[in-house]
N, C-alpha and C. Protein backbone atom coordinates (compact mmCIF):
# COMPACT_ATOMS: atom_id res chain seq x y z
N MET A 1 26.36 20.95 3.43
CA MET A 1 25.72 21.88 3.40
C MET A 1 24.55 20.93 2.58
N LYS A 2 24.65 19.93 1.12
CA LYS A 2 23.98 19.25 0.82
C LYS A 2 23.39 18.55 2.38
N ARG A 3 23.42 17.70 2.55
CA ARG A 3 23.36 17.18 4.18
C ARG A 3 22.55 18.29 4.86
N THR A 4 22.99 18.77 4.92
CA THR A 4 22.16 20.09 6.41
C THR A 4 20.69 19.90 5.37
N ILE A 5 20.57 20.07 4.54
CA ILE A 5 19.46 20.47 3.68
C ILE A 5 18.89 18.91 3.43
N PHE A 6 19.13 18.68 3.26
CA PHE A 6 18.17 17.03 3.72
C PHE A 6 18.03 17.05 4.38
N ILE A 7 18.85 17.09 5.87
CA ILE A 7 17.56 16.73 7.01
C ILE A 7 16.44 17.88 7.64
N ILE A 8 17.24 18.70 7.17
CA ILE A 8 15.93 20.31 7.51
C ILE A 8 14.85 19.22 6.70
N THR A 9 15.16 19.20 5.74
CA THR A 9 13.32 19.13 4.23
C THR A 9 13.09 17.40 5.29
N ALA A 10 13.90 16.59 5.83
CA ALA A 10 13.60 15.02 6.56
C ALA A 10 12.79 15.10 7.54
N ILE A 11 13.71 16.17 8.28
CA ILE A 11 12.34 16.61 9.48
C ILE A 11 10.91 17.47 9.22
N PHE A 12 11.06 18.50 8.38
CA PHE A 12 9.78 18.76 7.83
C PHE A 12 8.69 18.05 7.31
N MET A 13 9.27 17.29 7.03
CA MET A 13 8.51 15.98 6.14
C MET A 13 7.85 15.12 7.31
N MET A 14 8.68 15.22 8.03
CA MET A 14 8.17 13.60 9.70
C MET A 14 7.42 15.04 10.13
N ALA A 15 7.42 16.16 9.96
CA ALA A 15 6.72 16.44 11.57
C ALA A 15 5.24 17.39 10.52
N PHE A 16 5.03 17.28 9.19
CA PHE A 16 4.06 17.51 8.51
C PHE A 16 3.26 16.00 7.79
N ALA A 17 3.85 15.35 8.14
CA ALA A 17 3.17 13.69 7.65
C ALA A 17 2.36 13.11 9.89
N SER A 18 2.96 13.60 10.64
CA SER A 18 2.27 13.51 11.35
C SER A 18 1.53 14.24 12.23
N CYS A 19 0.82 15.27 11.45
CA CYS A 19 -0.58 16.20 11.67
C CYS A 19 -1.13 15.56 10.65
N ASP A 20 -1.20 14.42 10.29
CA ASP A 20 -2.48 14.15 9.14
C ASP A 20 -2.57 13.02 10.24
N SER A 21 -1.46 12.13 10.87
CA SER A 21 -1.77 10.66 11.56
C SER A 21 -3.65 11.45 12.97
N LYS A 22 -4.18 9.90 11.66
CA LYS A 22 -5.23 9.94 13.39
C LYS A 22 -4.79 9.18 14.59
N LYS A 23 -5.83 9.37 16.01
CA LYS A 23 -5.25 8.34 17.02
C LYS A 23 -6.34 7.19 16.34
N GLU A 24 -5.50 5.83 17.07
CA GLU A 24 -5.72 4.79 16.54
C GLU A 24 -7.15 4.48 17.29
N ILE A 25 -8.18 3.83 16.94
CA ILE A 25 -9.47 4.20 17.58
C ILE A 25 -9.19 2.26 18.95
N LYS A 26 -9.91 2.11 19.59
CA LYS A 26 -10.00 1.70 20.46
C LYS A 26 -10.78 0.24 20.25
N SER A 27 -9.74 -1.06 19.68
CA SER A 27 -10.58 -1.97 19.49
C SER A 27 -10.76 -2.75 20.46
N ILE A 28 -11.44 -3.41 21.37
CA ILE A 28 -11.41 -4.19 22.90
C ILE A 28 -12.44 -5.24 22.47
N LYS A 29 -11.84 -6.59 22.93
CA LYS A 29 -12.88 -7.43 23.35
C LYS A 29 -13.90 -7.76 24.03
N SER A 30 -14.94 -8.78 24.15
CA SER A 30 -16.51 -8.28 25.10
C SER A 30 -16.02 -7.68 26.29
N ASN A 31 -15.14 -8.48 26.64
CA ASN A 31 -15.13 -9.07 28.36
C ASN A 31 -14.38 -7.10 29.12
N GLU A 32 -13.34 -6.83 28.47
CA GLU A 32 -13.21 -5.51 28.30
C GLU A 32 -14.47 -4.52 28.03
N PHE A 33 -14.98 -4.71 26.65
CA PHE A 33 -16.02 -4.20 26.71
C PHE A 33 -17.26 -3.58 27.68
N ARG A 34 -17.41 -4.65 27.98
CA ARG A 34 -18.17 -4.55 28.94
C ARG A 34 -18.16 -3.88 30.16
N THR A 35 -16.56 -3.92 30.71
CA THR A 35 -15.90 -2.93 31.95
C THR A 35 -16.42 -1.25 31.09
N GLU A 36 -15.79 -1.03 30.09
CA GLU A 36 -15.82 0.14 29.62
C GLU A 36 -16.77 0.80 29.47
N ILE A 37 -18.49 -0.17 29.02
CA ILE A 37 -19.72 0.66 28.71
C ILE A 37 -19.81 0.46 30.25
N MET A 38 -19.75 0.61 31.36
CA MET A 38 -20.59 0.51 33.12
C MET A 38 -20.00 2.42 33.26
N THR A 39 -18.79 2.69 32.75
CA THR A 39 -18.70 4.30 32.99
C THR A 39 -19.50 4.69 32.75
N PRO A 40 -19.55 5.90 33.66
CA PRO A 40 -21.12 6.47 33.42
C PRO A 40 -21.82 7.62 32.47
N ASP A 41 -20.63 8.48 31.99
CA ASP A 41 -20.43 8.57 30.73
C ASP A 41 -20.93 8.21 29.67
N ILE A 42 -20.53 7.26 29.41
CA ILE A 42 -20.21 6.20 28.13
C ILE A 42 -21.94 6.16 27.29
N GLN A 43 -21.24 6.39 25.85
CA GLN A 43 -22.45 6.36 24.87
C GLN A 43 -22.02 5.16 24.35
N LEU A 44 -23.13 4.07 24.25
CA LEU A 44 -23.34 2.85 23.68
C LEU A 44 -24.28 2.61 22.64
N VAL A 45 -23.87 2.67 21.12
CA VAL A 45 -24.24 2.18 19.89
C VAL A 45 -23.89 1.84 19.17
N ASP A 46 -25.44 0.76 18.94
CA ASP A 46 -25.49 0.18 18.07
C ASP A 46 -25.77 0.70 16.83
N VAL A 47 -25.10 -0.05 15.64
CA VAL A 47 -25.34 0.69 13.99
C VAL A 47 -25.78 -0.41 13.16
N ARG A 48 -26.67 -1.73 14.18
CA ARG A 48 -26.75 -2.07 12.87
C ARG A 48 -28.51 -1.42 12.34
N VAL A 49 -28.82 -2.33 11.60
CA VAL A 49 -30.53 -1.88 11.19
C VAL A 49 -31.17 -1.64 12.13
N PRO A 50 -32.28 -0.95 11.68
CA PRO A 50 -33.57 -1.02 13.89
C PRO A 50 -33.89 -2.58 13.84
N GLU A 51 -33.87 -3.59 12.63
CA GLU A 51 -34.63 -5.34 12.86
C GLU A 51 -34.03 -5.52 13.51
N ALA A 52 -32.83 -5.82 13.08
CA ALA A 52 -31.72 -6.57 14.38
C ALA A 52 -30.99 -6.09 15.16
N PHE A 53 -31.38 -4.41 15.67
CA PHE A 53 -31.68 -3.67 16.79
C PHE A 53 -32.66 -4.57 17.60
N ASN A 54 -33.82 -4.93 17.13
CA ASN A 54 -34.83 -4.97 18.26
C ASN A 54 -35.23 -6.52 18.06
N GLU A 55 -34.03 -7.31 17.41
CA GLU A 55 -34.12 -8.56 17.63
C GLU A 55 -33.23 -9.21 18.63
N GLY A 56 -32.44 -7.73 19.05
CA GLY A 56 -31.39 -8.35 21.11
C GLY A 56 -30.02 -7.09 20.17
N HIS A 57 -30.00 -6.11 21.49
CA HIS A 57 -29.60 -5.19 21.67
C HIS A 57 -28.60 -5.45 23.25
N ILE A 58 -27.38 -4.74 23.51
CA ILE A 58 -26.63 -4.57 24.26
C ILE A 58 -27.57 -3.42 25.65
N PRO A 59 -28.04 -4.01 26.25
CA PRO A 59 -29.12 -2.89 27.31
C PRO A 59 -28.22 -1.62 27.73
N GLY A 60 -28.93 -1.07 27.33
CA GLY A 60 -28.88 0.65 27.30
C GLY A 60 -28.38 1.94 25.79
N ALA A 61 -28.25 0.49 24.99
CA ALA A 61 -27.58 1.59 23.32
C ALA A 61 -28.12 1.38 22.91
N LYS A 62 -28.28 3.14 21.90
CA LYS A 62 -29.01 3.46 21.02
C LYS A 62 -28.82 3.33 19.89
N ASN A 63 -30.54 2.97 18.92
CA ASN A 63 -29.66 2.55 17.72
C ASN A 63 -29.64 4.02 16.70
N LEU A 64 -28.02 3.78 16.22
CA LEU A 64 -28.44 4.57 14.62
C LEU A 64 -27.73 4.21 13.74
N ASP A 65 -28.74 3.67 12.68
CA ASP A 65 -28.74 2.71 11.53
C ASP A 65 -27.45 3.66 10.48
N PHE A 66 -25.94 3.13 10.48
CA PHE A 66 -25.04 3.21 10.18
C PHE A 66 -25.33 3.43 8.76
N THR A 67 -26.17 2.24 7.88
CA THR A 67 -26.81 2.59 6.47
C THR A 67 -27.72 3.58 6.75
N SER A 68 -28.64 3.89 7.09
CA SER A 68 -29.28 5.00 6.38
C SER A 68 -28.47 6.50 5.93
N GLU A 69 -29.11 7.02 5.07
CA GLU A 69 -29.00 7.95 4.77
C GLU A 69 -29.39 9.32 5.69
N HIS A 70 -29.17 9.16 6.40
CA HIS A 70 -29.50 9.97 8.01
C HIS A 70 -28.73 10.12 8.98
N PHE A 71 -27.42 9.00 9.11
CA PHE A 71 -26.50 8.37 10.15
C PHE A 71 -25.87 9.50 10.74
N ASP A 72 -25.26 10.37 9.41
CA ASP A 72 -24.78 12.14 9.60
C ASP A 72 -25.62 13.23 11.09
N ASP A 73 -27.04 13.03 10.64
CA ASP A 73 -27.68 13.96 11.43
C ASP A 73 -27.93 13.06 12.46
N MET A 74 -27.97 11.16 12.03
CA MET A 74 -28.57 11.05 13.33
C MET A 74 -27.16 10.74 15.17
N MET A 75 -26.06 11.20 14.04
CA MET A 75 -24.55 11.25 15.27
C MET A 75 -24.60 12.67 15.99
N LYS A 76 -25.44 13.41 15.66
CA LYS A 76 -25.61 15.23 16.12
C LYS A 76 -26.20 14.89 17.84
N GLN A 77 -27.31 13.92 18.02
CA GLN A 77 -27.27 13.39 19.01
C GLN A 77 -26.79 12.90 19.86
N LEU A 78 -25.48 12.81 19.39
CA LEU A 78 -24.39 12.37 20.57
C LEU A 78 -23.92 13.70 21.24
N ASP A 79 -23.11 12.97 22.13
CA ASP A 79 -22.72 14.36 22.93
C ASP A 79 -20.91 14.38 22.61
N LYS A 80 -19.66 15.02 22.07
CA LYS A 80 -18.52 14.98 21.61
C LYS A 80 -17.81 15.31 22.92
N LYS A 81 -18.53 15.56 24.08
CA LYS A 81 -17.90 15.41 25.55
C LYS A 81 -17.41 13.82 25.97
N ASN A 82 -18.07 12.70 25.83
CA ASN A 82 -18.41 11.74 26.62
C ASN A 82 -17.92 10.31 24.81
N PRO A 83 -17.04 10.14 25.58
CA PRO A 83 -16.65 8.44 24.82
C PRO A 83 -18.38 7.89 23.94
N VAL A 84 -17.84 7.28 22.42
CA VAL A 84 -19.17 6.75 21.68
C VAL A 84 -18.46 4.91 22.06
N ALA A 85 -19.29 4.43 22.34
CA ALA A 85 -18.76 2.74 22.79
C ALA A 85 -19.66 2.38 21.31
N VAL A 86 -19.16 1.81 20.28
CA VAL A 86 -19.63 1.59 18.96
C VAL A 86 -19.73 0.06 18.60
N TYR A 87 -20.86 -0.67 18.02
CA TYR A 87 -21.12 -2.08 17.77
C TYR A 87 -22.04 -2.57 16.54
N CYS A 88 -21.78 -3.48 16.43
CA CYS A 88 -23.07 -3.63 14.77
C CYS A 88 -22.55 -5.84 15.18
N ARG A 89 -23.55 -5.98 13.60
CA ARG A 89 -23.32 -7.63 14.27
C ARG A 89 -21.71 -8.25 14.89
N GLY A 90 -20.69 -8.19 13.32
CA GLY A 90 -19.97 -8.82 13.51
C GLY A 90 -18.41 -7.69 13.88
N GLY A 91 -18.91 -6.78 13.15
CA GLY A 91 -17.57 -5.83 14.10
C GLY A 91 -17.21 -4.36 12.56
N ARG A 92 -17.22 -5.44 11.44
CA ARG A 92 -16.86 -4.22 10.23
C ARG A 92 -17.37 -2.95 9.87
N GLN A 93 -18.94 -2.79 10.14
CA GLN A 93 -19.77 -2.07 10.01
C GLN A 93 -19.12 -1.05 10.83
N SER A 94 -19.04 -1.35 11.84
CA SER A 94 -19.24 -0.55 13.44
C SER A 94 -17.81 0.10 13.61
N MET A 95 -16.88 -0.97 12.78
CA MET A 95 -15.24 0.35 12.68
C MET A 95 -15.50 1.54 11.67
N GLU A 96 -16.09 1.01 10.68
CA GLU A 96 -16.30 2.05 9.36
C GLU A 96 -17.16 2.92 10.34
N ALA A 97 -18.19 3.32 11.61
CA ALA A 97 -18.62 3.93 11.40
C ALA A 97 -17.91 4.30 13.08
N ALA A 98 -17.13 3.98 13.64
CA ALA A 98 -16.57 4.25 14.80
C ALA A 98 -15.13 5.23 13.54
N GLU A 99 -14.99 5.36 12.36
CA GLU A 99 -14.02 5.90 11.86
C GLU A 99 -14.60 7.09 12.09
N LYS A 100 -15.98 6.97 10.97
CA LYS A 100 -16.63 8.27 11.18
C LYS A 100 -16.72 9.54 11.82
N LEU A 101 -16.96 8.66 13.22
CA LEU A 101 -16.98 9.28 14.22
C LEU A 101 -16.31 10.02 14.70
N GLN A 102 -15.40 10.06 14.87
CA GLN A 102 -14.06 9.60 14.92
C GLN A 102 -13.41 11.18 13.95
N ASP A 103 -13.84 10.68 12.86
CA ASP A 103 -13.20 12.39 12.09
C ASP A 103 -14.37 13.10 12.30
N ALA A 104 -15.32 12.88 13.44
CA ALA A 104 -16.11 14.27 13.74
C ALA A 104 -15.85 14.26 14.90
N GLY A 105 -15.11 14.02 15.32
CA GLY A 105 -14.16 14.91 16.63
C GLY A 105 -15.05 14.22 18.08
N PHE A 106 -14.95 12.24 17.62
CA PHE A 106 -15.32 11.85 18.78
C PHE A 106 -14.35 10.69 18.92
N VAL A 107 -14.26 11.00 20.68
CA VAL A 107 -13.31 9.04 21.22
C VAL A 107 -14.29 8.04 21.20
N VAL A 108 -13.70 7.08 20.17
CA VAL A 108 -14.90 6.09 20.01
C VAL A 108 -13.44 4.98 20.61
N ILE A 109 -14.84 4.02 21.33
CA ILE A 109 -14.21 2.55 21.80
C ILE A 109 -15.03 1.49 20.79
N HIS A 110 -14.57 0.60 20.19
CA HIS A 110 -15.25 -0.49 19.51
C HIS A 110 -15.15 -2.04 19.75
N LEU A 111 -16.46 -2.20 19.79
CA LEU A 111 -16.29 -4.27 19.99
C LEU A 111 -15.70 -4.84 19.08
N ASP A 112 -15.17 -5.47 18.86
CA ASP A 112 -13.75 -5.93 18.27
C ASP A 112 -14.90 -7.53 18.09
N GLY A 113 -15.29 -7.98 16.92
CA GLY A 113 -15.80 -9.24 16.91
C GLY A 113 -18.11 -8.85 16.93
N GLY A 114 -17.87 -7.12 17.35
CA GLY A 114 -19.84 -7.39 17.02
C GLY A 114 -19.65 -8.27 18.34
N ILE A 115 -21.73 -7.97 18.29
CA ILE A 115 -22.48 -8.62 19.67
C ILE A 115 -22.67 -9.98 18.77
N LEU A 116 -21.70 -10.82 18.02
CA LEU A 116 -21.64 -12.10 17.86
C LEU A 116 -20.27 -12.72 18.57
N THR A 117 -20.03 -11.92 19.08
CA THR A 117 -18.56 -11.98 20.54
C THR A 117 -18.93 -11.37 21.81
N TRP A 118 -20.24 -10.61 22.28
CA TRP A 118 -20.61 -10.84 23.07
C TRP A 118 -21.19 -12.11 24.23
N ASP A 119 -21.17 -11.75 25.21
CA ASP A 119 -21.85 -13.10 25.76
C ASP A 119 -22.35 -12.38 27.51
N GLY A 120 -22.67 -11.58 26.96
CA GLY A 120 -23.71 -10.51 28.20
C GLY A 120 -24.82 -10.43 28.32
N GLU A 121 -25.44 -9.81 28.98
CA GLU A 121 -27.27 -9.84 27.93
C GLU A 121 -27.47 -9.00 27.29
N VAL A 122 -28.45 -9.77 26.39
CA VAL A 122 -29.26 -8.87 25.24
C VAL A 122 -30.18 -8.60 25.83
N GLU A 123 -30.58 -7.17 25.43
CA GLU A 123 -32.98 -6.78 25.36
C GLU A 123 -33.37 -7.11 24.10
N THR A 124 -34.64 -7.29 23.49
CA THR A 124 -35.53 -7.24 22.48
C THR A 124 -36.55 -6.18 23.08
N ILE A 125 -36.58 -5.72 21.55
CA ILE A 125 -38.26 -5.39 21.50
C ILE A 125 -38.73 -5.84 20.47
N GLY A 126 -40.68 -5.54 20.64
CA GLY A 126 -41.18 -5.98 20.24
C GLY A 126 -41.86 -7.91 20.78
N ASN A 127 -42.06 -8.14 19.23
CA ASN A 127 -42.16 -9.59 18.90
C ASN A 127 -41.65 -10.27 20.37
């Protein structure tokens, strides 16, 4: 009888633990990221400060500054029906942003190593 209660308790604990587990964020290398962002409905987001974005970003990227106090409001510009491809300079800050986006209900793809690993074209704005 004690064994049966133990087994039932263990099953319930595993079931409840799995309810809280998040889907892992897809963190991919530059060449695979390039393929992913060619998908028609992908939303490409650079989470660096505007100055860094202006100095060079992946073509087609939208700048949503993760350090801004308005980041949560800026996320509302994105469509939850479409995946978000996110990057920063080296990958740490964009992973934090990816987690926040995922918590908000987005499907997220992350550029492992950030724009430092990007070997494709970049656009600049201004000077």
